[in-house]
Amino acid sequence: MTNSEWIEMLQLVPEAEHSKLVIVLQTGAELCVDTLVKFDRSFLVLRGRLGGTIEEARAFFVPYSQMLCLRLERVIKVDELQEMLPTGPGRYPTPVNRLTDATREEMPFQSAHPTPVAAPTDPAAASRLLLEKIRATRAAAAPAPRSVGPR
């Protein structure tokens, strides 16, 4: 990514979310942001700490070329995320990940997430059901028995 693209992306994050922002560097190091201070042409100035440490309020001058990705360190709903993203001409359309009924019928495979079955309320019945599932899984994963015979 270019420096201007990093600046644009960082400016998408609302100021209230800056303290939850983590910048992952090419080396794998993580910078936990407290405050974004300045967006220079070639580097970012921030106040924060290294991930995994408790030493707060350190200053970092981070070249954009060393940044790998940004992460918001909190659970975020898709609607909230979409509100952060700009809309308008020249922007990519929002991806749609919902399948229509027509699309589902055309799909040649089963869903990876089958419809959940009601679990039994009796502990003994639940244990038996779980044991059956474990045995069935092991049987399916076990290699076929070899025939042992004279050589």
C-alpha atoms as a PDB file:
ATOM      1  CA  MET A   1       0.000   0.000   0.000  1.00  0.00           C
ATOM      2  CA  THR A   2       1.110   3.529  -0.589  1.00  0.00           C
ATOM      3  CA  ASN A   3       1.628   6.019   2.216  1.00  0.00           C
ATOM      4  CA  SER A   4      -1.429   8.021   1.195  1.00  0.00           C
ATOM      5  CA  GLU A   5      -3.561   4.848   1.279  1.00  0.00           C
ATOM      6  CA  TRP A   6      -2.389   4.107   4.843  1.00  0.00           C
ATOM      7  CA  ILE A   7      -3.207   7.680   5.864  1.00  0.00           C
ATOM      8  CA  GLU A   8      -6.648   7.400   4.293  1.00  0.00           C
ATOM      9  CA  MET A   9      -7.304   4.104   6.067  1.00  0.00           C
ATOM     10  CA  LEU A  10      -6.159   5.424   9.447  1.00  0.00           C
ATOM     11  CA  GLN A  11      -8.424   8.440   9.045  1.00  0.00           C
ATOM     12  CA  LEU A  12     -11.414   6.109   8.610  1.00  0.00           C
ATOM     13  CA  VAL A  13     -11.080   5.035  12.245  1.00  0.00           C
ATOM     14  CA  PRO A  14     -13.098   7.399  14.450  1.00  0.00           C
ATOM     15  CA  GLU A  15     -11.093   9.215  17.118  1.00  0.00           C
ATOM     16  CA  ALA A  16     -13.094   7.456  19.856  1.00  0.00           C
ATOM     17  CA  GLU A  17     -11.740   4.114  18.542  1.00  0.00           C
ATOM     18  CA  HIS A  18      -8.052   5.109  18.432  1.00  0.00           C
ATOM     19  CA  SER A  19      -7.359   3.652  21.887  1.00  0.00           C
ATOM     20  CA  LYS A  20      -8.610   0.270  20.606  1.00  0.00           C
ATOM     21  CA  LEU A  21      -6.470   0.325  17.471  1.00  0.00           C
ATOM     22  CA  VAL A  22      -3.534  -2.055  17.039  1.00  0.00           C
ATOM     23  CA  ILE A  23      -0.997  -1.596  14.255  1.00  0.00           C
ATOM     24  CA  VAL A  24       0.720  -4.816  13.205  1.00  0.00           C
ATOM     25  CA  LEU A  25       4.180  -4.306  11.742  1.00  0.00           C
ATOM     26  CA  GLN A  26       5.985  -6.367   9.093  1.00  0.00           C
ATOM     27  CA  THR A  27       8.123  -7.881  11.876  1.00  0.00           C
ATOM     28  CA  GLY A  28       5.026  -9.163  13.688  1.00  0.00           C
ATOM     29  CA  ALA A  29       5.362  -6.606  16.472  1.00  0.00           C
ATOM     30  CA  GLU A  30       2.129  -4.930  17.534  1.00  0.00           C
ATOM     31  CA  LEU A  31       1.699  -1.311  18.534  1.00  0.00           C
ATOM     32  CA  CYS A  32      -1.299  -0.618  20.756  1.00  0.00           C
ATOM     33  CA  VAL A  33      -2.361   2.934  19.976  1.00  0.00           C
ATOM     34  CA  ASP A  34      -3.354   5.451  22.600  1.00  0.00           C
ATOM     35  CA  THR A  35      -3.381   8.523  20.341  1.00  0.00           C
ATOM     36  CA  LEU A  36      -2.565   9.132  16.695  1.00  0.00           C
ATOM     37  CA  VAL A  37      -0.519  12.335  16.854  1.00  0.00           C
ATOM     38  CA  LYS A  38       0.522  13.117  13.266  1.00  0.00           C
ATOM     39  CA  PHE A  39       0.160  11.704   9.765  1.00  0.00           C
ATOM     40  CA  ASP A  40       3.406  12.705   8.072  1.00  0.00           C
ATOM     41  CA  ARG A  41       4.071  12.067   4.378  1.00  0.00           C
ATOM     42  CA  SER A  42       6.255   9.023   5.066  1.00  0.00           C
ATOM     43  CA  PHE A  43       5.621   8.048   8.687  1.00  0.00           C
ATOM     44  CA  LEU A  44       3.046   8.020  11.441  1.00  0.00           C
ATOM     45  CA  VAL A  45       3.635   9.515  14.874  1.00  0.00           C
ATOM     46  CA  LEU A  46       1.660   7.917  17.689  1.00  0.00           C
ATOM     47  CA  ARG A  47       1.583   7.518  21.417  1.00  0.00           C
ATOM     48  CA  GLY A  48       1.041   4.014  22.740  1.00  0.00           C
ATOM     49  CA  ARG A  49       2.784   0.841  23.842  1.00  0.00           C
ATOM     50  CA  LEU A  50       4.228  -2.338  22.391  1.00  0.00           C
ATOM     51  CA  GLY A  51       1.792  -5.239  22.431  1.00  0.00           C
ATOM     52  CA  GLY A  52       2.388  -7.517  25.423  1.00  0.00           C
ATOM     53  CA  THR A  53       3.935  -4.785  27.573  1.00  0.00           C
ATOM     54  CA  ILE A  54       2.559  -2.495  30.246  1.00  0.00           C
ATOM     55  CA  GLU A  55       4.868   0.446  29.509  1.00  0.00           C
ATOM     56  CA  GLU A  56       2.391   3.079  28.374  1.00  0.00           C
ATOM     57  CA  ALA A  57       2.689   6.539  26.824  1.00  0.00           C
ATOM     58  CA  ARG A  58       5.681   5.799  24.608  1.00  0.00           C
ATOM     59  CA  ALA A  59       6.214   7.706  21.365  1.00  0.00           C
ATOM     60  CA  PHE A  60       6.533   5.786  18.093  1.00  0.00           C
ATOM     61  CA  PHE A  61       7.588   7.063  14.676  1.00  0.00           C
ATOM     62  CA  VAL A  62       6.377   4.329  12.329  1.00  0.00           C
ATOM     63  CA  PRO A  63       7.222   4.292   8.605  1.00  0.00           C
ATOM     64  CA  TYR A  64       4.125   3.347   6.612  1.00  0.00           C
ATOM     65  CA  SER A  65       6.269   0.874   4.657  1.00  0.00           C
ATOM     66  CA  GLN A  66       6.689  -1.185   7.856  1.00  0.00           C
ATOM     67  CA  MET A  67       2.952  -1.462   8.549  1.00  0.00           C
ATOM     68  CA  LEU A  68       1.241  -4.749   7.714  1.00  0.00           C
ATOM     69  CA  CYS A  69      -2.348  -4.217   8.900  1.00  0.00           C
ATOM     70  CA  LEU A  70      -4.637  -2.442  11.344  1.00  0.00           C
ATOM     71  CA  ARG A  71      -6.828  -4.186  13.894  1.00  0.00           C
ATOM     72  CA  LEU A  72      -9.592  -2.889  16.118  1.00  0.00           C
ATOM     73  CA  GLU A  73      -9.202  -4.707  19.416  1.00  0.00           C
ATOM     74  CA  ARG A  74     -12.863  -5.117  20.228  1.00  0.00           C
ATOM     75  CA  VAL A  75     -15.888  -7.005  19.007  1.00  0.00           C
ATOM     76  CA  ILE A  76     -17.473  -5.030  16.207  1.00  0.00           C
ATOM     77  CA  LYS A  77     -20.747  -5.546  14.382  1.00  0.00           C
ATOM     78  CA  VAL A  78     -20.831  -5.492  10.586  1.00  0.00           C
ATOM     79  CA  ASP A  79     -23.223  -2.523  10.669  1.00  0.00           C
ATOM     80  CA  GLU A  80     -20.757  -0.529  12.805  1.00  0.00           C
ATOM     81  CA  LEU A  81     -17.922  -1.378  10.455  1.00  0.00           C
ATOM     82  CA  GLN A  82     -19.930  -0.340   7.404  1.00  0.00           C
ATOM     83  CA  GLU A  83     -20.746   3.007   9.060  1.00  0.00           C
ATOM     84  CA  MET A  84     -16.991   3.713   9.294  1.00  0.00           C
ATOM     85  CA  LEU A  85     -16.447   3.093   5.593  1.00  0.00           C
ATOM     86  CA  PRO A  86     -17.036   5.906   3.122  1.00  0.00           C
ATOM     87  CA  THR A  87     -19.630   5.555   0.406  1.00  0.00           C
ATOM     88  CA  GLY A  88     -20.017   7.403  -2.819  1.00  0.00           C
ATOM     89  CA  PRO A  89     -18.589   7.533  -6.318  1.00  0.00           C
ATOM     90  CA  GLY A  90     -15.267   5.799  -6.824  1.00  0.00           C
ATOM     91  CA  ARG A  91     -15.716   3.508  -3.835  1.00  0.00           C
ATOM     92  CA  TYR A  92     -16.094  -0.228  -4.050  1.00  0.00           C
ATOM     93  CA  PRO A  93     -19.591  -1.559  -3.445  1.00  0.00           C
ATOM     94  CA  THR A  94     -20.314  -3.248  -0.138  1.00  0.00           C
ATOM     95  CA  PRO A  95     -19.953  -7.013  -0.542  1.00  0.00           C
ATOM     96  CA  VAL A  96     -23.119  -9.002  -0.115  1.00  0.00           C
ATOM     97  CA  ASN A  97     -22.622 -12.280   1.701  1.00  0.00           C
ATOM     98  CA  ARG A  98     -26.233 -13.388   1.967  1.00  0.00           C
ATOM     99  CA  LEU A  99     -27.298 -16.217  -0.280  1.00  0.00           C
ATOM    100  CA  THR A 100     -30.620 -16.015  -2.021  1.00  0.00           C
ATOM    101  CA  ASP A 101     -32.889 -19.061  -2.190  1.00  0.00           C
ATOM    102  CA  ALA A 102     -32.128 -19.387  -5.919  1.00  0.00           C
ATOM    103  CA  THR A 103     -28.380 -19.397  -5.232  1.00  0.00           C
ATOM    104  CA  ARG A 104     -28.738 -22.059  -2.539  1.00  0.00           C
ATOM    105  CA  GLU A 105     -30.609 -24.339  -4.958  1.00  0.00           C
ATOM    106  CA  GLU A 106     -27.812 -23.998  -7.528  1.00  0.00           C
ATOM    107  CA  MET A 107     -25.097 -24.915  -5.029  1.00  0.00           C
ATOM    108  CA  PRO A 108     -23.889 -28.509  -5.528  1.00  0.00           C
ATOM    109  CA  PHE A 109     -22.712 -29.002  -1.944  1.00  0.00           C
ATOM    110  CA  GLN A 110     -24.179 -29.105   1.543  1.00  0.00           C
ATOM    111  CA  SER A 111     -23.697 -26.281   3.969  1.00  0.00           C
ATOM    112  CA  ALA A 112     -20.764 -26.645   6.339  1.00  0.00           C
ATOM    113  CA  HIS A 113     -23.088 -25.623   9.151  1.00  0.00           C
ATOM    114  CA  PRO A 114     -26.030 -28.004   9.294  1.00  0.00           C
ATOM    115  CA  THR A 115     -29.272 -27.023  10.950  1.00  0.00           C
ATOM    116  CA  PRO A 116     -28.853 -27.574  14.688  1.00  0.00           C
ATOM    117  CA  VAL A 117     -30.755 -30.465  16.235  1.00  0.00           C
ATOM    118  CA  ALA A 118     -32.391 -30.041  19.626  1.00  0.00           C
ATOM    119  CA  ALA A 119     -30.167 -31.602  22.282  1.00  0.00           C
ATOM    120  CA  PRO A 120     -31.735 -34.052  24.705  1.00  0.00           C
ATOM    121  CA  THR A 121     -32.425 -32.665  28.177  1.00  0.00           C
ATOM    122  CA  ASP A 122     -31.723 -35.963  29.945  1.00  0.00           C
ATOM    123  CA  PRO A 123     -27.989 -36.106  30.858  1.00  0.00           C
ATOM    124  CA  ALA A 124     -27.781 -39.856  30.212  1.00  0.00           C
ATOM    125  CA  ALA A 125     -29.335 -39.482  26.761  1.00  0.00           C
ATOM    126  CA  ALA A 126     -27.025 -36.572  25.971  1.00  0.00           C
ATOM    127  CA  SER A 127     -24.005 -38.659  27.018  1.00  0.00           C
ATOM    128  CA  ARG A 128     -25.084 -41.564  24.809  1.00  0.00           C
ATOM    129  CA  LEU A 129     -25.622 -39.229  21.851  1.00  0.00           C
ATOM    130  CA  LEU A 130     -22.202 -37.637  22.336  1.00  0.00           C
ATOM    131  CA  LEU A 131     -20.531 -41.043  22.633  1.00  0.00           C
ATOM    132  CA  GLU A 132     -22.213 -42.211  19.410  1.00  0.00           C
ATOM    133  CA  LYS A 133     -20.994 -39.108  17.575  1.00  0.00           C
ATOM    134  CA  ILE A 134     -17.434 -39.604  18.842  1.00  0.00           C
ATOM    135  CA  ARG A 135     -17.441 -43.269  17.788  1.00  0.00           C
ATOM    136  CA  ALA A 136     -18.870 -42.404  14.352  1.00  0.00           C
ATOM    137  CA  THR A 137     -16.230 -39.707  13.832  1.00  0.00           C
ATOM    138  CA  ARG A 138     -13.408 -42.044  14.860  1.00  0.00           C
ATOM    139  CA  ALA A 139     -14.739 -44.807  12.634  1.00  0.00           C
ATOM    140  CA  ALA A 140     -14.900 -42.451   9.659  1.00  0.00           C
ATOM    141  CA  ALA A 141     -11.363 -41.188  10.295  1.00  0.00           C
ATOM    142  CA  ALA A 142      -9.793 -44.608  10.931  1.00  0.00           C
ATOM    143  CA  PRO A 143      -7.834 -46.181   8.091  1.00  0.00           C
ATOM    144  CA  ALA A 144      -9.321 -49.241   6.430  1.00  0.00           C
ATOM    145  CA  PRO A 145      -8.197 -52.488   8.087  1.00  0.00           C
ATOM    146  CA  ARG A 146      -5.449 -54.320   6.257  1.00  0.00           C
ATOM    147  CA  SER A 147      -5.938 -57.907   5.339  1.00  0.00           C
ATOM    148  CA  VAL A 148      -3.361 -60.081   6.977  1.00  0.00           C
ATOM    149  CA  GLY A 149      -2.608 -63.240   5.156  1.00  0.00           C
ATOM    150  CA  PRO A 150       0.192 -65.527   4.073  1.00  0.00           C
ATOM    151  CA  ARG A 151       2.910 -63.993   2.037  1.00  0.00           C
END
